[in-house]
Amino acid sequence: MPNNQAKASRRGFFLSASAVGAAVATTAWLKTPAPAAVTPPARPAPEKGGGYSLSEHVKQYYKTTLV
């Protein structure tokens, strides 16, 4: 009988520990403020047409295409 009691005790401990861990993680997640959306100011439209500009997004894409 002591063997069953030990297994139940371990299961209870791990169940409690995981529940407490989940509660702590949820609380920390809820208290974390949402990051402010940072958008760069829009550039004015080019006067003579076109519109291609080497932005950070384009530079990042070019980096991913390097072999």
N, C-alpha and C. Protein backbone atom coordinates (compact mmCIF):
# COMPACT_ATOMS: atom_id res chain seq x y z
N MET A 1 0.80 -1.20 0.00
CA MET A 1 0.00 0.00 0.00
C MET A 1 0.85 1.28 0.00
N PRO A 2 2.00 1.30 0.67
CA PRO A 2 2.80 2.52 0.66
C PRO A 2 3.27 2.90 -0.74
N ASN A 3 3.48 1.94 -1.64
CA ASN A 3 3.92 2.23 -2.99
C ASN A 3 2.88 3.04 -3.74
N ASN A 4 1.60 2.68 -3.64
CA ASN A 4 0.53 3.42 -4.31
C ASN A 4 0.42 4.83 -3.75
N GLN A 5 0.62 4.94 -2.46
CA GLN A 5 0.51 6.26 -1.83
C GLN A 5 1.65 7.17 -2.32
N ALA A 6 2.82 6.60 -2.51
CA ALA A 6 3.95 7.40 -2.99
C ALA A 6 3.71 7.87 -4.42
N LYS A 7 3.16 7.00 -5.29
CA LYS A 7 2.87 7.39 -6.66
C LYS A 7 1.83 8.50 -6.70
N ALA A 8 0.81 8.37 -5.88
CA ALA A 8 -0.23 9.39 -5.85
C ALA A 8 0.35 10.71 -5.37
N SER A 9 1.24 10.64 -4.40
CA SER A 9 1.84 11.85 -3.87
C SER A 9 2.69 12.54 -4.94
N ARG A 10 3.47 11.77 -5.69
CA ARG A 10 4.29 12.35 -6.76
C ARG A 10 3.42 12.95 -7.86
N ARG A 11 2.37 12.23 -8.22
CA ARG A 11 1.46 12.75 -9.25
C ARG A 11 0.83 14.06 -8.80
N GLY A 12 0.41 14.10 -7.56
CA GLY A 12 -0.18 15.32 -7.04
C GLY A 12 0.80 16.48 -7.03
N PHE A 13 2.04 16.17 -6.68
CA PHE A 13 3.07 17.21 -6.66
C PHE A 13 3.29 17.77 -8.06
N PHE A 14 3.47 16.89 -9.04
CA PHE A 14 3.73 17.36 -10.39
C PHE A 14 2.51 18.06 -10.99
N LEU A 15 1.32 17.59 -10.66
CA LEU A 15 0.11 18.25 -11.14
C LEU A 15 0.01 19.66 -10.55
N SER A 16 0.29 19.77 -9.27
CA SER A 16 0.25 21.09 -8.62
C SER A 16 1.34 22.01 -9.16
N ALA A 17 2.52 21.46 -9.36
CA ALA A 17 3.63 22.27 -9.88
C ALA A 17 3.33 22.79 -11.28
N SER A 18 2.74 21.94 -12.11
CA SER A 18 2.43 22.40 -13.47
C SER A 18 1.30 23.42 -13.45
N ALA A 19 0.33 23.26 -12.57
CA ALA A 19 -0.76 24.23 -12.48
C ALA A 19 -0.25 25.58 -12.00
N VAL A 20 0.64 25.56 -11.02
CA VAL A 20 1.22 26.81 -10.51
C VAL A 20 2.07 27.47 -11.59
N GLY A 21 2.84 26.69 -12.32
CA GLY A 21 3.65 27.23 -13.40
C GLY A 21 2.81 27.88 -14.49
N ALA A 22 1.71 27.23 -14.84
CA ALA A 22 0.82 27.80 -15.84
C ALA A 22 0.19 29.09 -15.34
N ALA A 23 -0.18 29.12 -14.07
CA ALA A 23 -0.78 30.32 -13.51
C ALA A 23 0.22 31.48 -13.48
N VAL A 24 1.45 31.20 -13.13
CA VAL A 24 2.49 32.24 -13.11
C VAL A 24 2.76 32.75 -14.51
N ALA A 25 2.84 31.86 -15.47
CA ALA A 25 3.09 32.27 -16.85
C ALA A 25 1.95 33.12 -17.39
N THR A 26 0.73 32.73 -17.09
CA THR A 26 -0.43 33.50 -17.56
C THR A 26 -0.46 34.87 -16.92
N THR A 27 -0.16 34.95 -15.64
CA THR A 27 -0.15 36.24 -14.95
C THR A 27 0.93 37.15 -15.53
N ALA A 28 2.09 36.60 -15.77
CA ALA A 28 3.18 37.41 -16.34
C ALA A 28 2.82 37.88 -17.74
N TRP A 29 2.17 37.01 -18.51
CA TRP A 29 1.77 37.38 -19.88
C TRP A 29 0.72 38.47 -19.86
N LEU A 30 -0.22 38.41 -18.92
CA LEU A 30 -1.28 39.41 -18.86
C LEU A 30 -0.76 40.76 -18.38
N LYS A 31 0.27 40.76 -17.54
CA LYS A 31 0.79 42.01 -17.01
C LYS A 31 1.76 42.70 -17.95
N THR A 32 2.25 41.99 -18.96
CA THR A 32 3.20 42.57 -19.90
C THR A 32 2.47 43.52 -20.84
N PRO A 33 2.89 44.78 -20.93
CA PRO A 33 2.21 45.72 -21.83
C PRO A 33 2.48 45.35 -23.29
N ALA A 34 1.50 45.63 -24.10
CA ALA A 34 1.64 45.36 -25.53
C ALA A 34 2.63 46.35 -26.13
N PRO A 35 3.51 45.89 -27.01
CA PRO A 35 4.47 46.82 -27.62
C PRO A 35 3.74 47.82 -28.52
N ALA A 36 4.22 49.02 -28.49
CA ALA A 36 3.63 50.07 -29.32
C ALA A 36 4.01 49.82 -30.77
N ALA A 37 3.04 49.97 -31.64
CA ALA A 37 3.28 49.77 -33.07
C ALA A 37 4.08 50.96 -33.59
N VAL A 38 5.26 50.68 -34.10
CA VAL A 38 6.13 51.73 -34.63
C VAL A 38 6.10 51.64 -36.14
N THR A 39 5.58 52.66 -36.77
CA THR A 39 5.55 52.71 -38.22
C THR A 39 6.32 53.93 -38.69
N PRO A 40 7.20 53.74 -39.64
CA PRO A 40 7.96 54.89 -40.14
C PRO A 40 7.02 55.83 -40.91
N PRO A 41 7.35 57.10 -40.93
CA PRO A 41 6.49 58.04 -41.66
C PRO A 41 6.50 57.73 -43.16
N ALA A 42 5.36 57.92 -43.79
CA ALA A 42 5.24 57.63 -45.22
C ALA A 42 6.03 58.66 -46.02
N ARG A 43 6.71 58.17 -47.04
CA ARG A 43 7.46 59.08 -47.91
C ARG A 43 6.50 59.70 -48.92
N PRO A 44 6.79 60.92 -49.34
CA PRO A 44 5.94 61.53 -50.36
C PRO A 44 6.10 60.81 -51.70
N ALA A 45 5.07 60.85 -52.51
CA ALA A 45 5.11 60.19 -53.82
C ALA A 45 6.12 60.90 -54.72
N PRO A 46 6.85 60.14 -55.53
CA PRO A 46 7.82 60.78 -56.42
C PRO A 46 7.11 61.63 -57.47
N GLU A 47 7.73 62.73 -57.82
CA GLU A 47 7.11 63.67 -58.76
C GLU A 47 7.14 63.15 -60.20
N LYS A 48 8.18 62.41 -60.57
CA LYS A 48 8.32 61.98 -61.96
C LYS A 48 7.98 60.51 -62.15
N GLY A 49 7.13 59.98 -61.32
CA GLY A 49 6.76 58.57 -61.45
C GLY A 49 7.75 57.67 -60.74
N GLY A 50 7.71 56.42 -61.07
CA GLY A 50 8.60 55.48 -60.41
C GLY A 50 7.99 55.04 -59.10
N GLY A 51 8.75 55.06 -58.07
CA GLY A 51 8.22 54.70 -56.77
C GLY A 51 9.06 53.66 -56.06
N TYR A 52 10.05 53.07 -56.75
CA TYR A 52 10.90 52.09 -56.09
C TYR A 52 11.83 52.81 -55.14
N SER A 53 11.90 52.29 -53.93
CA SER A 53 12.87 52.82 -52.98
C SER A 53 13.49 51.67 -52.22
N LEU A 54 14.74 51.80 -51.90
CA LEU A 54 15.46 50.77 -51.19
C LEU A 54 15.16 50.92 -49.70
N SER A 55 14.09 50.29 -49.26
CA SER A 55 13.68 50.39 -47.86
C SER A 55 14.32 49.27 -47.06
N GLU A 56 14.13 49.30 -45.74
CA GLU A 56 14.66 48.26 -44.87
C GLU A 56 14.05 46.90 -45.21
N HIS A 57 12.78 46.91 -45.57
CA HIS A 57 12.11 45.66 -45.94
C HIS A 57 12.76 45.05 -47.18
N VAL A 58 13.05 45.87 -48.16
CA VAL A 58 13.68 45.39 -49.39
C VAL A 58 15.10 44.91 -49.10
N LYS A 59 15.84 45.64 -48.27
CA LYS A 59 17.19 45.22 -47.90
C LYS A 59 17.17 43.87 -47.20
N GLN A 60 16.20 43.65 -46.33
CA GLN A 60 16.08 42.36 -45.63
C GLN A 60 15.79 41.25 -46.62
N TYR A 61 14.94 41.52 -47.61
CA TYR A 61 14.65 40.52 -48.63
C TYR A 61 15.90 40.16 -49.43
N TYR A 62 16.67 41.17 -49.80
CA TYR A 62 17.89 40.93 -50.55
C TYR A 62 18.87 40.07 -49.74
N LYS A 63 18.93 40.29 -48.44
CA LYS A 63 19.81 39.49 -47.58
C LYS A 63 19.39 38.02 -47.59
N THR A 64 18.09 37.76 -47.66
CA THR A 64 17.61 36.37 -47.63
C THR A 64 17.87 35.65 -48.95
N THR A 65 18.12 36.40 -50.02
CA THR A 65 18.34 35.75 -51.31
C THR A 65 19.81 35.45 -51.59
N LEU A 66 20.70 35.89 -50.74
CA LEU A 66 22.12 35.62 -50.94
C LEU A 66 22.40 34.12 -50.78
N VAL A 67 23.29 33.64 -51.58
CA VAL A 67 23.64 32.21 -51.51
C VAL A 67 24.95 32.01 -50.82
